[in-house]
């Protein structure tokens, strides 16, 4: 059975069905078919287009604002990349001791060897230690090479041994 014969069979059945209807039934079927066709066209093509157009109309100002913000950030990034990087000051025992004292972190021992620093604490507040480590990483370009941190019986306090190394200036 070929496709042409199948289509011819459907066409013959459709013609027989249509011929068996009265003029009034034909008019009603034609009007009903037109209404269903229009409803399908509207629901599949027109309504989604109108809905998406309205959604885009509402979100377009916000998207334009975000695009302007991204352009400003890109311009700022380009300007910052053109600037020379800030040089970190050479690390000194006095500066390190002052930074620790400013945070209220009393060390057990502090040993400096070239670009390496080894610091030991007993019973130091963990939050203060982490805050200090973040500050010296940004300000003095100190990187943690080795860290041993263990909790003590008192909540929030730790014993810590850190080995830090100052990152070379680029």
Foldseek 3Di string as FASTA:
>chain_A
DDPVVVVVVVVVVVVVVLVPDDPVVNVVVVVVVVVVVVVCCCVPPVVVVVVVVVVCVVCVVVVVVVVVVVVVVVVVVVVVVPDFDDAADQDDPVVVVVLCVVLPFDWPDWDDDPQKIKTWGFFGQPVSVVVSVVVCCVRRVKDWPDKDWDDDPDPRTIIMITMIGGDHRD
